[in-house]
């Protein structure tokens, strides 16, 4: 599987609880925090859910 770098670029203030929990599950929580994860179907679904709050870069 490919690895991707996910960076949070927008705040979760005034967002639905589901989006806040998805950000937490990805290992984010603060703006400009980044994580590197293996791209699998579960992560792809999380990315799709909060794509307006993050940027994704392939490694």
C-alpha atoms as a PDB file:
ATOM      1  CA  UNK A   1       0.000   0.000   0.000  1.00  0.00           C
ATOM      2  CA  UNK A   2       1.033   3.597  -0.597  1.00  0.00           C
ATOM      3  CA  UNK A   3       1.806   6.019   2.197  1.00  0.00           C
ATOM      4  CA  UNK A   4       0.214   9.453   2.372  1.00  0.00           C
ATOM      5  CA  UNK A   5       0.919  12.534   4.447  1.00  0.00           C
ATOM      6  CA  UNK A   6      -2.204  14.143   5.903  1.00  0.00           C
ATOM      7  CA  UNK A   7      -2.024  17.717   7.220  1.00  0.00           C
ATOM      8  CA  UNK A   8      -4.838  19.513   9.018  1.00  0.00           C
ATOM      9  CA  UNK A   9      -5.281  22.995   7.529  1.00  0.00           C
ATOM     10  CA  UNK A  10      -8.617  24.121   8.987  1.00  0.00           C
ATOM     11  CA  UNK A  11     -10.111  24.150  12.469  1.00  0.00           C
ATOM     12  CA  UNK A  12     -12.758  21.757  13.764  1.00  0.00           C
ATOM     13  CA  UNK A  13     -14.548  24.519  15.671  1.00  0.00           C
ATOM     14  CA  UNK A  14     -18.271  24.593  14.736  1.00  0.00           C
ATOM     15  CA  UNK A  15     -17.990  21.250  12.920  1.00  0.00           C
ATOM     16  CA  UNK A  16     -20.219  18.219  13.513  1.00  0.00           C
ATOM     17  CA  UNK A  17     -19.076  15.771  16.193  1.00  0.00           C
ATOM     18  CA  UNK A  18     -18.513  13.071  13.563  1.00  0.00           C
ATOM     19  CA  UNK A  19     -15.936  15.220  11.759  1.00  0.00           C
ATOM     20  CA  UNK A  20     -14.179  16.072  15.041  1.00  0.00           C
ATOM     21  CA  UNK A  21     -13.901  12.381  15.911  1.00  0.00           C
ATOM     22  CA  UNK A  22     -12.619  11.533  12.433  1.00  0.00           C
ATOM     23  CA  UNK A  23      -9.849  14.134  12.785  1.00  0.00           C
ATOM     24  CA  UNK A  24      -8.937  12.630  16.170  1.00  0.00           C
ATOM     25  CA  UNK A  25      -8.933   9.105  14.706  1.00  0.00           C
ATOM     26  CA  UNK A  26      -6.500  10.231  12.015  1.00  0.00           C
ATOM     27  CA  UNK A  27      -4.127  11.449  14.738  1.00  0.00           C
ATOM     28  CA  UNK A  28      -4.649  15.139  14.082  1.00  0.00           C
ATOM     29  CA  UNK A  29      -6.264  17.816  16.244  1.00  0.00           C
ATOM     30  CA  UNK A  30      -4.298  21.014  15.736  1.00  0.00           C
ATOM     31  CA  UNK A  31      -3.811  23.090  12.616  1.00  0.00           C
ATOM     32  CA  UNK A  32      -0.607  22.284  10.669  1.00  0.00           C
ATOM     33  CA  UNK A  33      -0.162  18.932  12.436  1.00  0.00           C
ATOM     34  CA  UNK A  34       0.793  16.148  10.016  1.00  0.00           C
ATOM     35  CA  UNK A  35       0.737  12.353  10.094  1.00  0.00           C
ATOM     36  CA  UNK A  36       1.989   9.705   7.677  1.00  0.00           C
ATOM     37  CA  UNK A  37      -0.312   6.710   7.263  1.00  0.00           C
ATOM     38  CA  UNK A  38      -0.721   3.697   4.999  1.00  0.00           C
ATOM     39  CA  UNK A  39      -3.486   4.307   2.478  1.00  0.00           C
ATOM     40  CA  UNK A  40      -6.206   1.662   2.869  1.00  0.00           C
ATOM     41  CA  UNK A  41      -9.984   1.723   2.343  1.00  0.00           C
ATOM     42  CA  UNK A  42     -10.664   2.812   5.943  1.00  0.00           C
ATOM     43  CA  UNK A  43      -8.260   5.754   5.734  1.00  0.00           C
ATOM     44  CA  UNK A  44      -9.643   6.706   2.309  1.00  0.00           C
ATOM     45  CA  UNK A  45     -13.130   6.933   3.837  1.00  0.00           C
ATOM     46  CA  UNK A  46     -11.857   9.129   6.668  1.00  0.00           C
ATOM     47  CA  UNK A  47     -10.085  11.390   4.170  1.00  0.00           C
ATOM     48  CA  UNK A  48     -13.275  11.712   2.124  1.00  0.00           C
ATOM     49  CA  UNK A  49     -15.258  12.638   5.263  1.00  0.00           C
ATOM     50  CA  UNK A  50     -12.996  15.550   6.259  1.00  0.00           C
ATOM     51  CA  UNK A  51     -11.384  16.496   2.923  1.00  0.00           C
ATOM     52  CA  UNK A  52     -12.363  20.160   3.430  1.00  0.00           C
ATOM     53  CA  UNK A  53     -10.282  20.311   6.636  1.00  0.00           C
ATOM     54  CA  UNK A  54      -7.105  18.557   5.441  1.00  0.00           C
ATOM     55  CA  UNK A  55      -4.609  18.315   2.615  1.00  0.00           C
ATOM     56  CA  UNK A  56      -3.274  14.969   1.408  1.00  0.00           C
ATOM     57  CA  UNK A  57       0.144  14.437  -0.176  1.00  0.00           C
ATOM     58  CA  UNK A  58       1.358  11.119  -1.616  1.00  0.00           C
ATOM     59  CA  UNK A  59       4.809  10.025  -0.511  1.00  0.00           C
END
